[in-house]
Amino acid sequence: METKNKQYLLYGGSGHAKVIAECIAASQGIVEGIFDDNPDLKSFGDFPFFGCYQKEKHRFPLVVSIGDNLIRKKIVKNVKYLFGTIIHPSACVSPNVEIGEGSVIFHNSILQVDSRIGKHVILNSGASVDHECVLGDFVHISPQATLCGNVVVGEGTHIGANAVVIPYITIGKWATIGAGAVIIHDVPDFAIVVGNPGKLIKFKEPVCNTSCLKSGKKRQ
């Protein structure tokens, strides 16, 4: 989990990338370059800009610097290897946690003992994940959101800013928890839940499998 004196690449030139770049700099790391598939984007600040992903330039650990969970999954499917993990020095991270590759722990966030964080997870600024929580791959915990102890969050789920999840709640895959929601009951896969207390308002279309992600087809 150490980022000091390491070199990284980013995939995605956006505001999210700017924050990750500051996390790397705060840990005395270096951003050696940025990939982005947008043909209209020709540069990104003072960082070396490579345009579309090029495998031959993937010489350092890479972080997908895009906040959208599904897009991160699609990119990871195509890139497949050599990912970095970034932890801002202001974050409070227990030494007894597991953090998967590609994940980023932002400024002033808290990650408590015996929690398990999957791959390519975003723990955003000031978010709090308490003891023994389990976060699946591609989860995004937004700024100031709070997960109390023993919460389970499925793959690809987005927890909105300032949301609160009480202890022992299970939230399914690819769900969306609205900003400021208070979750006091389990949440099923693909659900959208808002309000205090949290209310299920609808279901999203199920996310297609990884082969569909590559081809762009929807699951039938």
Protein backbone atom coordinates (compact mmCIF):
# COMPACT_ATOMS: atom_id res chain seq x y z
CA MET A 1 0.00 0.00 0.00
CA GLU A 2 3.05 2.28 0.10
CA THR A 3 3.17 4.92 -2.66
CA LYS A 4 6.37 6.75 -1.71
CA ASN A 5 8.89 7.25 -4.53
CA LYS A 6 6.79 5.25 -6.98
CA GLN A 7 5.87 6.03 -10.55
CA TYR A 8 2.31 5.70 -11.86
CA LEU A 9 0.18 6.05 -14.95
CA LEU A 10 -3.42 7.25 -15.00
CA TYR A 11 -6.18 6.23 -17.40
CA GLY A 12 -8.76 9.01 -17.73
CA GLY A 13 -8.20 12.75 -17.95
CA SER A 14 -10.85 14.33 -15.73
CA GLY A 15 -11.29 16.14 -12.44
CA HIS A 16 -11.14 12.75 -10.73
CA ALA A 17 -7.68 12.27 -12.26
CA LYS A 18 -6.55 15.61 -10.85
CA VAL A 19 -7.41 14.48 -7.32
CA ILE A 20 -5.64 11.14 -7.78
CA ALA A 21 -2.59 12.97 -9.12
CA GLU A 22 -2.54 15.08 -5.94
CA CYS A 23 -2.79 11.91 -3.84
CA ILE A 24 0.25 10.54 -5.66
CA ALA A 25 2.20 13.77 -5.25
CA ALA A 26 1.35 13.94 -1.53
CA SER A 27 2.96 10.51 -1.15
CA GLN A 28 6.08 11.61 -3.04
CA GLY A 29 5.05 9.65 -6.11
CA ILE A 30 5.17 10.72 -9.75
CA VAL A 31 2.55 10.61 -12.50
CA GLU A 32 4.55 9.48 -15.53
CA GLY A 33 1.70 9.88 -17.99
CA ILE A 34 -2.03 9.87 -18.67
CA PHE A 35 -4.07 7.88 -21.19
CA ASP A 36 -7.47 9.05 -22.40
CA ASP A 37 -9.55 7.75 -25.31
CA ASN A 38 -11.31 11.08 -25.94
CA PRO A 39 -10.01 12.30 -29.33
CA ASP A 40 -10.86 15.89 -28.38
CA LEU A 41 -8.52 15.83 -25.38
CA LYS A 42 -5.00 16.77 -26.46
CA SER A 43 -3.30 17.47 -23.13
CA PHE A 44 -3.80 17.24 -19.38
CA GLY A 45 -2.12 19.93 -17.34
CA ASP A 46 1.62 19.53 -17.10
CA PHE A 47 1.52 15.74 -17.20
CA PRO A 48 2.79 13.73 -20.18
CA PHE A 49 -0.29 12.92 -22.28
CA PHE A 50 -0.36 9.73 -24.35
CA GLY A 51 -3.85 9.78 -25.84
CA CYS A 52 -5.45 6.36 -26.30
CA TYR A 53 -4.14 3.46 -24.24
CA GLN A 54 -0.94 1.96 -25.63
CA LYS A 55 0.27 -1.28 -24.11
CA GLU A 56 3.89 -0.56 -24.95
CA LYS A 57 3.77 2.55 -22.74
CA HIS A 58 2.26 0.69 -19.80
CA ARG A 59 5.58 0.42 -17.97
CA PHE A 60 4.41 1.57 -14.53
CA PRO A 61 1.45 0.65 -12.29
CA LEU A 62 -1.76 2.17 -13.63
CA VAL A 63 -4.81 3.58 -11.86
CA VAL A 64 -8.07 4.04 -13.76
CA SER A 65 -8.88 7.65 -12.86
CA ILE A 66 -12.58 7.62 -13.77
CA GLY A 67 -15.36 7.88 -11.19
CA ASP A 68 -17.98 5.93 -13.16
CA ASN A 69 -17.90 2.34 -11.88
CA LEU A 70 -19.03 0.65 -15.08
CA ILE A 71 -16.54 2.53 -17.25
CA ARG A 72 -13.75 1.57 -14.83
CA LYS A 73 -14.75 -2.07 -15.18
CA LYS A 74 -14.76 -1.84 -18.98
CA ILE A 75 -11.28 -0.29 -19.03
CA VAL A 76 -9.87 -2.82 -16.58
CA LYS A 77 -11.24 -5.64 -18.76
CA ASN A 78 -9.23 -4.29 -21.70
CA VAL A 79 -6.05 -3.35 -19.82
CA LYS A 80 -5.90 -6.51 -17.65
CA TYR A 81 -2.61 -6.07 -15.78
CA LEU A 82 -0.17 -3.97 -13.72
CA PHE A 83 -2.37 -1.79 -11.53
CA GLY A 84 -1.34 0.45 -8.64
CA THR A 85 -2.98 1.28 -5.32
CA ILE A 86 -2.96 4.86 -4.00
CA ILE A 87 -3.49 6.00 -0.40
CA HIS A 88 -3.39 9.69 0.51
CA PRO A 89 -1.19 10.25 3.60
CA SER A 90 -4.03 12.04 5.41
CA ALA A 91 -6.21 8.90 5.29
CA CYS A 92 -6.58 6.88 8.49
CA VAL A 93 -6.10 3.28 7.39
CA SER A 94 -5.83 0.38 9.82
CA PRO A 95 -2.84 -1.88 9.21
CA ASN A 96 -5.26 -4.81 9.43
CA VAL A 97 -7.20 -4.25 6.21
CA GLU A 98 -7.05 -5.69 2.71
CA ILE A 99 -7.06 -3.31 -0.25
CA GLY A 100 -7.25 -4.62 -3.79
CA GLU A 101 -5.20 -3.44 -6.73
CA GLY A 102 -6.28 -0.29 -8.53
CA SER A 103 -8.10 1.13 -5.51
CA VAL A 104 -7.69 4.72 -4.32
CA ILE A 105 -8.12 5.96 -0.73
CA PHE A 106 -8.63 9.73 -0.84
CA HIS A 107 -7.95 12.64 1.52
CA ASN A 108 -9.11 12.30 5.15
CA SER A 109 -10.97 9.05 4.59
CA ILE A 110 -11.14 6.37 7.29
CA LEU A 111 -10.77 2.64 6.85
CA GLN A 112 -11.09 0.61 10.02
CA VAL A 113 -9.78 -2.73 11.22
CA ASP A 114 -10.50 -6.02 9.41
CA SER A 115 -12.28 -4.39 6.49
CA ARG A 116 -11.77 -5.84 3.01
CA ILE A 117 -11.72 -3.55 0.00
CA GLY A 118 -11.96 -5.03 -3.48
CA LYS A 119 -10.17 -4.05 -6.68
CA HIS A 120 -10.57 -0.63 -8.34
CA VAL A 121 -12.58 0.80 -5.44
CA ILE A 122 -12.84 4.55 -4.74
CA LEU A 123 -12.99 5.62 -1.11
CA ASN A 124 -13.56 9.32 -1.70
CA SER A 125 -12.67 12.37 0.39
CA GLY A 126 -13.72 12.11 4.03
CA ALA A 127 -15.60 8.83 3.59
CA SER A 128 -15.67 6.46 6.56
CA VAL A 129 -15.70 2.65 6.40
CA ASP A 130 -15.87 1.09 9.83
CA HIS A 131 -14.66 -2.27 11.14
CA GLU A 132 -15.20 -5.52 9.23
CA CYS A 133 -16.89 -4.02 6.20
CA VAL A 134 -16.56 -5.77 2.84
CA LEU A 135 -16.57 -3.76 -0.39
CA GLY A 136 -16.71 -5.53 -3.74
CA ASP A 137 -14.75 -4.58 -6.84
CA PHE A 138 -15.53 -1.27 -8.59
CA VAL A 139 -17.44 0.20 -5.61
CA HIS A 140 -17.43 3.99 -5.14
CA ILE A 141 -17.99 5.45 -1.66
CA SER A 142 -18.61 9.18 -2.21
CA PRO A 143 -17.35 12.08 -0.05
CA GLN A 144 -18.43 12.05 3.60
CA ALA A 145 -20.46 8.83 3.26
CA THR A 146 -20.41 6.60 6.35
CA LEU A 147 -20.53 2.83 6.46
CA CYS A 148 -20.93 1.52 10.01
CA GLY A 149 -19.45 -1.81 11.08
CA ASN A 150 -20.02 -5.11 9.25
CA VAL A 151 -21.59 -3.58 6.14
CA VAL A 152 -21.30 -5.53 2.88
CA VAL A 153 -21.41 -3.68 -0.46
CA GLY A 154 -21.62 -5.59 -3.74
CA GLU A 155 -19.65 -5.05 -6.93
CA GLY A 156 -20.11 -1.77 -8.75
CA THR A 157 -22.37 -0.12 -6.21
CA HIS A 158 -22.23 3.65 -5.74
CA ILE A 159 -22.85 5.11 -2.29
CA GLY A 160 -23.75 8.82 -2.59
CA ALA A 161 -22.23 11.72 -0.69
CA ASN A 162 -23.19 11.96 3.00
CA ALA A 163 -25.15 8.71 2.89
CA VAL A 164 -25.20 6.63 6.09
CA VAL A 165 -25.45 2.85 6.25
CA ILE A 166 -26.18 1.36 9.69
CA PRO A 167 -24.34 -1.77 10.92
CA TYR A 168 -24.85 -5.25 9.46
CA ILE A 169 -26.54 -4.05 6.27
CA THR A 170 -25.96 -5.85 2.96
CA ILE A 171 -26.17 -3.79 -0.23
CA GLY A 172 -26.28 -5.72 -3.50
CA LYS A 173 -24.37 -5.38 -6.76
CA TRP A 174 -24.57 -2.30 -9.02
CA ALA A 175 -26.98 -0.51 -6.72
CA THR A 176 -27.15 3.28 -6.28
CA ILE A 177 -27.58 4.88 -2.87
CA GLY A 178 -28.59 8.53 -3.20
CA ALA A 179 -26.77 11.39 -1.55
CA GLY A 180 -27.80 11.81 2.08
CA ALA A 181 -29.76 8.55 2.19
CA VAL A 182 -29.97 6.62 5.46
CA ILE A 183 -29.94 2.88 4.83
CA ILE A 184 -31.59 0.82 7.59
CA HIS A 185 -32.61 -2.24 5.53
CA ASP A 186 -30.77 -4.50 3.10
CA VAL A 187 -30.72 -3.31 -0.52
CA PRO A 188 -31.09 -5.72 -3.49
CA ASP A 189 -28.96 -5.81 -6.63
CA PHE A 190 -29.48 -2.95 -9.15
CA ALA A 191 -31.74 -1.00 -6.77
CA ILE A 192 -31.85 2.79 -6.54
CA VAL A 193 -32.52 3.92 -2.97
CA VAL A 194 -32.95 7.51 -1.77
CA GLY A 195 -34.14 9.40 1.28
CA ASN A 196 -34.21 9.10 5.07
CA PRO A 197 -35.04 6.38 5.78
CA GLY A 198 -33.92 4.91 2.49
CA LYS A 199 -36.70 4.06 0.05
CA LEU A 200 -36.33 1.89 -3.05
CA ILE A 201 -37.66 3.96 -5.97
CA LYS A 202 -36.77 1.73 -8.93
CA PHE A 203 -34.37 -0.83 -10.35
CA LYS A 204 -31.69 -0.18 -12.96
CA GLU A 205 -31.24 -2.40 -15.97
CA PRO A 206 -28.91 -5.25 -14.92
CA VAL A 207 -25.28 -4.73 -15.84
CA CYS A 208 -24.18 -6.99 -18.67
CA ASN A 209 -21.37 -9.49 -18.22
CA THR A 210 -17.75 -8.73 -19.08
CA SER A 211 -18.05 -10.05 -22.64
CA CYS A 212 -20.90 -7.61 -23.23
CA LEU A 213 -18.81 -4.82 -21.75
CA LYS A 214 -16.13 -5.43 -24.34
CA SER A 215 -18.51 -5.65 -27.28
CA GLY A 216 -20.90 -2.94 -26.10
CA LYS A 217 -23.91 -5.27 -26.36
CA LYS A 218 -26.64 -5.40 -23.75
CA ARG A 219 -27.56 -8.59 -22.00
CA GLN A 220 -30.77 -10.06 -23.38
